[in-house]
Structures are given as C-alpha cells and as structure tokens.
C-alpha cells in the first residue's frame, strides 16, 4: 500500500495517452498556461488599479 512503482506510472501514462491522444495533451497544457497567464495579468491589473486609487 506504499508508493507507486515505475510500472504503475507507466500504465497510468499509457491509459492517459489512449484517452487523450498525443496531440491533445500539449493543447491542454497550452490552455492551462494561457489561463494562468491571464490570471496573473488580472491580479497585476487589480493591484495596479488599487495602488492608483490610493494615491
């Protein structure tokens, strides 16, 4: 019941590749990166806007 072995991870990787295909995974990672980038931009815009309001 300990940690997963290398064989467990290889089986999980094979199942993920079968479900999503090779082209879909980079597309998903790109979408995640865009979401994180827009979230960071929103936070920086909010911080800059609140700093301007205080001045």
N, C-alpha and C. Protein backbone atom coordinates (compact mmCIF):
# COMPACT_ATOMS: atom_id res chain seq x y z
N UNK A 1 0.81 -1.18 0.00
CA UNK A 1 0.00 0.00 0.00
C UNK A 1 0.86 1.25 0.00
N UNK A 2 2.16 1.08 -0.21
CA UNK A 2 3.09 2.20 -0.22
C UNK A 2 2.98 3.03 -1.49
N UNK A 3 4.10 3.54 -1.93
CA UNK A 3 4.11 4.39 -3.12
C UNK A 3 3.98 3.55 -4.38
N UNK A 4 3.68 4.23 -5.46
CA UNK A 4 3.52 3.54 -6.73
C UNK A 4 4.89 3.21 -7.32
N UNK A 5 4.96 2.07 -7.99
CA UNK A 5 6.21 1.68 -8.64
C UNK A 5 6.25 2.27 -10.05
N UNK A 6 7.35 2.06 -10.72
CA UNK A 6 7.52 2.55 -12.08
C UNK A 6 6.46 1.94 -13.00
N UNK A 7 6.14 0.69 -12.78
CA UNK A 7 5.15 0.00 -13.64
C UNK A 7 3.77 0.63 -13.50
N UNK A 8 3.40 1.04 -12.31
CA UNK A 8 2.12 1.70 -12.11
C UNK A 8 2.06 2.99 -12.91
N UNK A 9 3.13 3.79 -12.85
CA UNK A 9 3.15 5.06 -13.57
C UNK A 9 3.14 4.85 -15.08
N UNK A 10 3.79 3.80 -15.56
CA UNK A 10 3.79 3.51 -17.00
C UNK A 10 2.38 3.13 -17.47
N UNK A 11 1.66 2.38 -16.65
CA UNK A 11 0.29 2.00 -17.01
C UNK A 11 -0.60 3.23 -17.00
N UNK A 12 -0.46 4.10 -16.01
CA UNK A 12 -1.25 5.32 -15.95
C UNK A 12 -0.96 6.19 -17.17
N UNK A 13 0.31 6.32 -17.54
CA UNK A 13 0.69 7.11 -18.70
C UNK A 13 0.09 6.52 -19.98
N UNK A 14 0.11 5.22 -20.11
CA UNK A 14 -0.47 4.57 -21.29
C UNK A 14 -1.97 4.82 -21.38
N UNK A 15 -2.66 4.75 -20.26
CA UNK A 15 -4.11 4.99 -20.24
C UNK A 15 -4.41 6.45 -20.61
N UNK A 16 -3.64 7.37 -20.08
CA UNK A 16 -3.84 8.80 -20.39
C UNK A 16 -3.61 9.04 -21.87
N UNK A 17 -2.56 8.45 -22.43
CA UNK A 17 -2.30 8.62 -23.85
C UNK A 17 -3.40 8.01 -24.71
N UNK A 18 -3.95 6.90 -24.28
CA UNK A 18 -5.05 6.29 -25.03
C UNK A 18 -6.31 7.15 -24.97
N UNK A 19 -6.58 7.74 -23.82
CA UNK A 19 -7.79 8.54 -23.66
C UNK A 19 -7.70 9.88 -24.39
N UNK A 20 -6.59 10.55 -24.26
CA UNK A 20 -6.49 11.91 -24.79
C UNK A 20 -5.76 11.99 -26.12
N UNK A 21 -4.98 11.00 -26.45
CA UNK A 21 -4.20 11.06 -27.68
C UNK A 21 -2.97 11.92 -27.50
N UNK A 22 -2.03 11.77 -28.42
CA UNK A 22 -0.76 12.50 -28.28
C UNK A 22 -0.92 13.98 -28.56
N UNK A 23 -1.80 14.38 -29.45
CA UNK A 23 -1.93 15.78 -29.82
C UNK A 23 -2.74 16.59 -28.82
N UNK A 24 -3.58 15.94 -28.06
CA UNK A 24 -4.48 16.65 -27.15
C UNK A 24 -3.77 17.15 -25.90
N UNK A 25 -2.78 16.43 -25.41
CA UNK A 25 -2.12 16.80 -24.15
C UNK A 25 -1.38 18.14 -24.27
N UNK A 26 -0.57 18.37 -25.32
CA UNK A 26 0.07 19.69 -25.43
C UNK A 26 -0.95 20.82 -25.59
N UNK A 27 -2.05 20.52 -26.26
CA UNK A 27 -3.11 21.53 -26.41
C UNK A 27 -3.71 21.88 -25.05
N UNK A 28 -3.94 20.87 -24.22
CA UNK A 28 -4.47 21.12 -22.87
C UNK A 28 -3.48 21.92 -22.03
N UNK A 29 -2.19 21.59 -22.12
CA UNK A 29 -1.17 22.31 -21.35
C UNK A 29 -1.08 23.76 -21.82
N UNK A 30 -1.24 24.00 -23.12
CA UNK A 30 -1.23 25.36 -23.64
C UNK A 30 -2.41 26.15 -23.10
N UNK A 31 -3.57 25.52 -23.02
CA UNK A 31 -4.75 26.19 -22.47
C UNK A 31 -4.56 26.51 -20.99
N UNK A 32 -3.95 25.59 -20.26
CA UNK A 32 -3.69 25.83 -18.84
C UNK A 32 -2.72 27.00 -18.68
N UNK A 33 -1.69 27.04 -19.52
CA UNK A 33 -0.71 28.13 -19.45
C UNK A 33 -1.37 29.48 -19.76
N UNK A 34 -2.25 29.51 -20.75
CA UNK A 34 -2.97 30.75 -21.08
C UNK A 34 -3.85 31.18 -19.91
N UNK A 35 -4.49 30.25 -19.27
CA UNK A 35 -5.33 30.57 -18.12
C UNK A 35 -4.52 31.14 -16.97
N UNK A 36 -3.38 30.54 -16.70
CA UNK A 36 -2.52 31.04 -15.61
C UNK A 36 -2.01 32.43 -15.95
N UNK A 37 -1.62 32.64 -17.22
CA UNK A 37 -1.11 33.94 -17.64
C UNK A 37 -2.17 35.02 -17.48
N UNK A 38 -3.40 34.72 -17.91
CA UNK A 38 -4.46 35.71 -17.79
C UNK A 38 -4.83 35.97 -16.32
N UNK A 39 -4.73 34.95 -15.49
CA UNK A 39 -4.98 35.12 -14.06
C UNK A 39 -3.94 36.04 -13.45
N UNK A 40 -2.67 35.84 -13.79
CA UNK A 40 -1.61 36.70 -13.28
C UNK A 40 -1.79 38.13 -13.76
N UNK A 41 -2.17 38.29 -15.05
CA UNK A 41 -2.41 39.64 -15.57
C UNK A 41 -3.56 40.31 -14.84
N UNK A 42 -4.59 39.56 -14.53
CA UNK A 42 -5.72 40.10 -13.79
C UNK A 42 -5.32 40.54 -12.39
N UNK A 43 -4.48 39.75 -11.75
CA UNK A 43 -4.00 40.12 -10.42
C UNK A 43 -3.15 41.37 -10.47
N UNK A 44 -2.26 41.46 -11.46
CA UNK A 44 -1.40 42.64 -11.54
C UNK A 44 -2.21 43.88 -11.91
N UNK A 45 -3.22 43.73 -12.77
CA UNK A 45 -4.09 44.86 -13.10
C UNK A 45 -4.86 45.32 -11.87
N UNK A 46 -5.33 44.38 -11.09
CA UNK A 46 -6.08 44.70 -9.88
C UNK A 46 -5.18 45.41 -8.87
N UNK A 47 -3.96 44.93 -8.73
CA UNK A 47 -3.01 45.55 -7.79
C UNK A 47 -2.64 46.95 -8.25
N UNK A 48 -2.42 47.13 -9.56
CA UNK A 48 -2.07 48.45 -10.08
C UNK A 48 -3.25 49.41 -9.94
N UNK A 49 -4.45 48.90 -10.15
CA UNK A 49 -5.64 49.74 -10.02
C UNK A 49 -5.89 50.19 -8.59
N UNK A 50 -5.64 49.30 -7.64
CA UNK A 50 -5.84 49.68 -6.23
C UNK A 50 -4.76 50.63 -5.76
N UNK A 51 -3.55 50.52 -6.32
CA UNK A 51 -2.46 51.43 -5.95
C UNK A 51 -2.75 52.83 -6.49
N UNK A 52 -3.35 52.91 -7.68
CA UNK A 52 -3.70 54.21 -8.27
C UNK A 52 -4.81 54.88 -7.49
N UNK A 53 -5.74 54.10 -7.00
CA UNK A 53 -6.87 54.65 -6.24
C UNK A 53 -6.40 55.23 -4.91
N UNK A 54 -5.39 54.60 -4.29
CA UNK A 54 -4.89 55.07 -3.00
C UNK A 54 -4.09 56.35 -3.14
N UNK A 55 -3.43 56.56 -4.27
CA UNK A 55 -2.58 57.74 -4.46
C UNK A 55 -3.37 58.99 -4.72
